[in-house]
């Protein structure tokens, strides 16, 4: 419960979108038994587009909760399908004490079908649970605000 409270506190830190896409396959050691391991999956909100690596919400959460610096698989602009491809390419074989999943706003932004999002998100959630050693209580799903709430999003977002 304390971990979730800390997580929600850090969600208040915003991310800017400067149009730069960069992959972040890993930022840390993946943890040890003494300090817990953390895998963070997603898009620009996950990597904190426009902020330093130390200011990413997942890095701040790990530091506050006594976890190792998280392994991160994320890139600005990724959809659920692109995250699935990146996870497959990463060939992760270990499990984690905590896994976060924050993805989907780019599906809406690109006008992709809601049915595809549902199917791909469910598959990503199953994958995240697998990375948490089949312990669903160790997976945190974060929802990003719809792009329609911001000026750029209002001008370009289609409803699915």
Foldseek 3Di string as FASTA:
>chain_A
DVLVVLLVVLLPDAADCPPDKDWQQFDWDQFDPVQWGEEEEEECLQCRHPDDNCSRSQNVSSVVRRTTRYGYTYIHLDALVNSVVSVVVSPDDAATCAYEYEHHLSCQLVPHDPVVNVVSVVVVLVVNCVSNVVDSVRYHYDYDDHLCVDPVCVVRGDDD
